N, C-alpha and C. Protein backbone atom coordinates (compact mmCIF):
# COMPACT_ATOMS: atom_id res chain seq x y z
N VAL A 1 0.86 -1.18 0.00
CA VAL A 1 0.00 0.00 0.00
C VAL A 1 0.89 1.23 0.00
N SER A 2 0.68 2.10 -0.98
CA SER A 2 1.51 3.29 -1.15
C SER A 2 0.88 4.51 -0.50
N SER A 3 1.75 5.49 -0.24
CA SER A 3 1.27 6.73 0.34
C SER A 3 0.74 7.66 -0.74
N VAL A 4 -0.09 8.58 -0.31
CA VAL A 4 -0.70 9.56 -1.21
C VAL A 4 -0.06 10.91 -0.92
N ALA A 5 0.40 11.58 -1.99
CA ALA A 5 1.00 12.91 -1.84
C ALA A 5 0.26 13.91 -2.71
N LEU A 6 0.10 15.11 -2.19
CA LEU A 6 -0.64 16.15 -2.90
C LEU A 6 0.25 17.37 -3.05
N ASP A 7 0.33 17.89 -4.27
CA ASP A 7 1.10 19.11 -4.55
C ASP A 7 0.08 20.18 -4.95
N PRO A 8 -0.30 21.07 -3.99
CA PRO A 8 -1.33 22.07 -4.30
C PRO A 8 -0.92 23.07 -5.37
N ASP A 9 0.38 23.39 -5.46
CA ASP A 9 0.82 24.37 -6.46
C ASP A 9 0.67 23.82 -7.88
N ARG A 10 1.01 22.55 -8.06
CA ARG A 10 0.90 21.93 -9.38
C ARG A 10 -0.44 21.23 -9.58
N ARG A 11 -1.26 21.24 -8.51
CA ARG A 11 -2.57 20.56 -8.53
C ARG A 11 -2.40 19.12 -9.02
N GLU A 12 -1.45 18.44 -8.37
CA GLU A 12 -1.14 17.07 -8.75
C GLU A 12 -1.20 16.16 -7.53
N VAL A 13 -1.69 14.96 -7.74
CA VAL A 13 -1.75 13.95 -6.69
C VAL A 13 -0.98 12.74 -7.18
N THR A 14 -0.13 12.20 -6.31
CA THR A 14 0.62 10.99 -6.67
C THR A 14 0.37 9.91 -5.62
N VAL A 15 0.39 8.70 -6.09
CA VAL A 15 0.30 7.53 -5.22
C VAL A 15 1.55 6.72 -5.48
N GLY A 16 2.39 6.62 -4.45
CA GLY A 16 3.65 5.90 -4.59
C GLY A 16 4.54 6.48 -5.68
N GLY A 17 4.44 7.80 -5.88
CA GLY A 17 5.28 8.47 -6.87
C GLY A 17 4.67 8.56 -8.25
N SER A 18 3.59 7.84 -8.50
CA SER A 18 2.93 7.87 -9.82
C SER A 18 1.72 8.80 -9.77
N PRO A 19 1.63 9.72 -10.74
CA PRO A 19 0.49 10.64 -10.74
C PRO A 19 -0.83 9.92 -11.03
N ILE A 20 -1.90 10.41 -10.42
CA ILE A 20 -3.23 9.91 -10.74
C ILE A 20 -4.06 11.08 -11.25
N ALA A 21 -4.94 10.79 -12.18
CA ALA A 21 -5.77 11.84 -12.80
C ALA A 21 -7.03 12.07 -11.97
N LEU A 22 -7.19 13.31 -11.53
CA LEU A 22 -8.39 13.70 -10.79
C LEU A 22 -9.05 14.87 -11.50
N THR A 23 -10.37 14.97 -11.36
CA THR A 23 -11.06 16.15 -11.86
C THR A 23 -10.73 17.31 -10.92
N ALA A 24 -11.02 18.52 -11.34
CA ALA A 24 -10.76 19.69 -10.49
C ALA A 24 -11.53 19.59 -9.17
N ARG A 25 -12.77 19.14 -9.23
CA ARG A 25 -13.59 19.01 -8.02
C ARG A 25 -13.02 17.93 -7.09
N GLU A 26 -12.62 16.80 -7.66
CA GLU A 26 -12.04 15.73 -6.84
C GLU A 26 -10.77 16.23 -6.16
N PHE A 27 -9.94 16.96 -6.90
CA PHE A 27 -8.71 17.51 -6.31
C PHE A 27 -9.06 18.43 -5.15
N ASP A 28 -10.03 19.31 -5.34
CA ASP A 28 -10.41 20.26 -4.29
C ASP A 28 -10.92 19.55 -3.04
N VAL A 29 -11.71 18.49 -3.23
CA VAL A 29 -12.21 17.73 -2.08
C VAL A 29 -11.05 17.07 -1.34
N LEU A 30 -10.15 16.42 -2.09
CA LEU A 30 -9.01 15.75 -1.46
C LEU A 30 -8.10 16.75 -0.77
N ALA A 31 -7.86 17.89 -1.40
CA ALA A 31 -6.99 18.93 -0.81
C ALA A 31 -7.58 19.43 0.51
N LEU A 32 -8.88 19.63 0.54
CA LEU A 32 -9.54 20.09 1.77
C LEU A 32 -9.41 19.03 2.87
N LEU A 33 -9.70 17.78 2.53
CA LEU A 33 -9.59 16.71 3.53
C LEU A 33 -8.17 16.56 4.04
N MET A 34 -7.18 16.62 3.15
CA MET A 34 -5.79 16.44 3.56
C MET A 34 -5.29 17.64 4.38
N ALA A 35 -5.79 18.84 4.06
CA ALA A 35 -5.41 20.04 4.82
C ALA A 35 -5.91 19.97 6.26
N HIS A 36 -6.99 19.21 6.46
CA HIS A 36 -7.59 19.07 7.79
C HIS A 36 -7.50 17.62 8.25
N ALA A 37 -6.40 16.95 7.90
CA ALA A 37 -6.21 15.53 8.26
C ALA A 37 -6.42 15.32 9.75
N GLY A 38 -7.20 14.28 10.07
CA GLY A 38 -7.48 13.97 11.46
C GLY A 38 -8.72 14.66 12.01
N THR A 39 -9.25 15.62 11.25
CA THR A 39 -10.45 16.34 11.67
C THR A 39 -11.63 15.87 10.83
N VAL A 40 -12.72 15.54 11.49
CA VAL A 40 -13.92 15.12 10.77
C VAL A 40 -14.58 16.35 10.16
N LEU A 41 -14.80 16.30 8.84
CA LEU A 41 -15.47 17.39 8.14
C LEU A 41 -16.87 16.94 7.73
N THR A 42 -17.85 17.79 7.97
CA THR A 42 -19.22 17.45 7.58
C THR A 42 -19.36 17.51 6.07
N ARG A 43 -20.35 16.80 5.56
CA ARG A 43 -20.63 16.85 4.12
C ARG A 43 -20.94 18.29 3.69
N GLU A 44 -21.66 19.01 4.54
CA GLU A 44 -22.02 20.40 4.23
C GLU A 44 -20.78 21.28 4.10
N ARG A 45 -19.81 21.09 5.00
CA ARG A 45 -18.58 21.89 4.93
C ARG A 45 -17.79 21.56 3.66
N ILE A 46 -17.71 20.27 3.33
CA ILE A 46 -17.01 19.87 2.11
C ILE A 46 -17.70 20.47 0.89
N ALA A 47 -19.03 20.40 0.86
CA ALA A 47 -19.79 20.96 -0.27
C ALA A 47 -19.52 22.46 -0.41
N HIS A 48 -19.53 23.15 0.72
CA HIS A 48 -19.35 24.60 0.69
C HIS A 48 -17.92 25.00 0.34
N GLU A 49 -16.93 24.40 1.02
CA GLU A 49 -15.54 24.84 0.85
C GLU A 49 -14.86 24.25 -0.38
N ALA A 50 -15.14 23.01 -0.71
CA ALA A 50 -14.44 22.38 -1.83
C ALA A 50 -15.23 22.45 -3.13
N LEU A 51 -16.55 22.39 -3.03
CA LEU A 51 -17.37 22.39 -4.24
C LEU A 51 -17.97 23.75 -4.53
N GLY A 52 -17.91 24.65 -3.56
CA GLY A 52 -18.30 26.04 -3.80
C GLY A 52 -19.77 26.35 -3.78
N TYR A 53 -20.58 25.51 -3.15
CA TYR A 53 -21.98 25.87 -3.06
C TYR A 53 -22.62 25.35 -1.80
N GLU A 54 -23.74 25.97 -1.48
CA GLU A 54 -24.50 25.60 -0.29
C GLU A 54 -25.47 24.48 -0.64
N TYR A 55 -25.65 23.60 0.30
CA TYR A 55 -26.65 22.54 0.14
C TYR A 55 -27.74 22.75 1.16
N VAL A 56 -28.94 22.39 0.76
CA VAL A 56 -30.04 22.39 1.72
C VAL A 56 -30.42 20.93 1.90
N GLY A 57 -29.63 20.24 2.72
CA GLY A 57 -29.94 18.86 3.03
C GLY A 57 -29.39 17.82 2.07
N ASP A 58 -29.18 18.15 0.80
CA ASP A 58 -28.75 17.15 -0.17
C ASP A 58 -27.24 17.20 -0.36
N THR A 59 -26.56 16.19 0.15
CA THR A 59 -25.10 16.16 0.03
C THR A 59 -24.64 14.93 -0.74
N ASN A 60 -25.51 14.36 -1.57
CA ASN A 60 -25.15 13.18 -2.36
C ASN A 60 -23.97 13.45 -3.28
N ASN A 61 -23.85 14.67 -3.78
CA ASN A 61 -22.75 15.02 -4.67
C ASN A 61 -21.40 14.83 -3.98
N VAL A 62 -21.32 15.16 -2.71
CA VAL A 62 -20.10 14.97 -1.94
C VAL A 62 -19.77 13.48 -1.86
N ASP A 63 -20.78 12.66 -1.59
CA ASP A 63 -20.59 11.22 -1.49
C ASP A 63 -20.06 10.65 -2.81
N VAL A 64 -20.55 11.15 -3.93
CA VAL A 64 -20.10 10.69 -5.24
C VAL A 64 -18.63 11.04 -5.46
N HIS A 65 -18.24 12.27 -5.12
CA HIS A 65 -16.83 12.67 -5.26
C HIS A 65 -15.93 11.82 -4.38
N ILE A 66 -16.37 11.54 -3.16
CA ILE A 66 -15.59 10.71 -2.24
C ILE A 66 -15.43 9.30 -2.81
N ALA A 67 -16.50 8.74 -3.35
CA ALA A 67 -16.44 7.39 -3.93
C ALA A 67 -15.45 7.35 -5.09
N HIS A 68 -15.48 8.37 -5.95
CA HIS A 68 -14.54 8.43 -7.07
C HIS A 68 -13.10 8.56 -6.59
N LEU A 69 -12.88 9.41 -5.60
CA LEU A 69 -11.53 9.58 -5.04
C LEU A 69 -11.00 8.28 -4.46
N ARG A 70 -11.83 7.61 -3.68
CA ARG A 70 -11.40 6.34 -3.08
C ARG A 70 -11.03 5.34 -4.17
N ALA A 71 -11.87 5.23 -5.19
CA ALA A 71 -11.60 4.27 -6.26
C ALA A 71 -10.30 4.58 -6.97
N LYS A 72 -10.07 5.84 -7.31
CA LYS A 72 -8.86 6.22 -8.04
C LYS A 72 -7.60 6.00 -7.20
N ILE A 73 -7.66 6.38 -5.92
CA ILE A 73 -6.51 6.23 -5.03
C ILE A 73 -6.22 4.75 -4.79
N GLU A 74 -7.25 3.99 -4.49
CA GLU A 74 -7.05 2.58 -4.19
C GLU A 74 -6.68 1.77 -5.43
N ASP A 75 -7.24 2.12 -6.60
CA ASP A 75 -6.88 1.42 -7.84
C ASP A 75 -5.40 1.63 -8.17
N ALA A 76 -4.85 2.76 -7.73
CA ALA A 76 -3.44 3.07 -7.98
C ALA A 76 -2.53 2.45 -6.91
N GLY A 77 -3.14 1.72 -5.97
CA GLY A 77 -2.35 1.07 -4.92
C GLY A 77 -2.22 1.88 -3.65
N GLY A 78 -2.98 2.94 -3.56
CA GLY A 78 -2.91 3.80 -2.37
C GLY A 78 -3.72 3.26 -1.21
N ALA A 79 -3.39 3.75 -0.04
CA ALA A 79 -4.11 3.35 1.18
C ALA A 79 -5.49 3.99 1.20
N ARG A 80 -6.39 3.38 1.96
CA ARG A 80 -7.74 3.97 2.11
C ARG A 80 -7.63 5.09 3.14
N ILE A 81 -7.32 6.29 2.66
CA ILE A 81 -7.07 7.41 3.57
C ILE A 81 -8.32 8.19 3.93
N ILE A 82 -9.39 8.02 3.16
CA ILE A 82 -10.63 8.75 3.44
C ILE A 82 -11.59 7.78 4.12
N GLN A 83 -11.96 8.13 5.34
CA GLN A 83 -12.86 7.26 6.10
C GLN A 83 -14.17 7.98 6.39
N THR A 84 -15.24 7.21 6.36
CA THR A 84 -16.57 7.73 6.65
C THR A 84 -16.80 7.75 8.15
N VAL A 85 -17.34 8.84 8.65
CA VAL A 85 -17.77 8.93 10.04
C VAL A 85 -19.29 9.00 9.98
N ARG A 86 -19.92 7.87 10.29
CA ARG A 86 -21.36 7.76 10.12
C ARG A 86 -22.14 8.90 10.78
N GLY A 87 -23.06 9.44 10.00
CA GLY A 87 -23.91 10.50 10.51
C GLY A 87 -23.24 11.86 10.61
N VAL A 88 -21.95 11.95 10.24
CA VAL A 88 -21.25 13.23 10.36
C VAL A 88 -20.65 13.66 9.03
N GLY A 89 -19.69 12.87 8.52
CA GLY A 89 -19.02 13.25 7.28
C GLY A 89 -17.84 12.36 7.02
N TYR A 90 -16.70 12.97 6.72
CA TYR A 90 -15.50 12.23 6.33
C TYR A 90 -14.27 12.76 7.04
N VAL A 91 -13.28 11.88 7.18
CA VAL A 91 -12.00 12.27 7.79
C VAL A 91 -10.88 11.67 6.95
N CYS A 92 -9.79 12.42 6.83
CA CYS A 92 -8.62 11.95 6.11
C CYS A 92 -7.62 11.45 7.13
N ARG A 93 -7.14 10.22 6.94
CA ARG A 93 -6.17 9.61 7.84
C ARG A 93 -4.81 9.48 7.13
N ALA A 94 -4.40 10.55 6.48
CA ALA A 94 -3.14 10.51 5.71
C ALA A 94 -1.95 10.72 6.62
């Protein structure tokens, strides 16, 4: 299992030294989670800060971005760094 590294200046994410392709939104979600590693972020906060809009109860879009991020990171051999905190949101354990 390889580590995940994020370069905010180049907007690049690597797993074990190999770059992985992320959409701009996926990058923003991952960057937010990694910047607050160890802190549980609510779906609403992720939607507002990383995706740039307010939600009124519907945060399914956040869940979709998280699912895509997990798949891309894990398919590249990366650790499962994004964990779900039931009823609250997500936490990055990088």
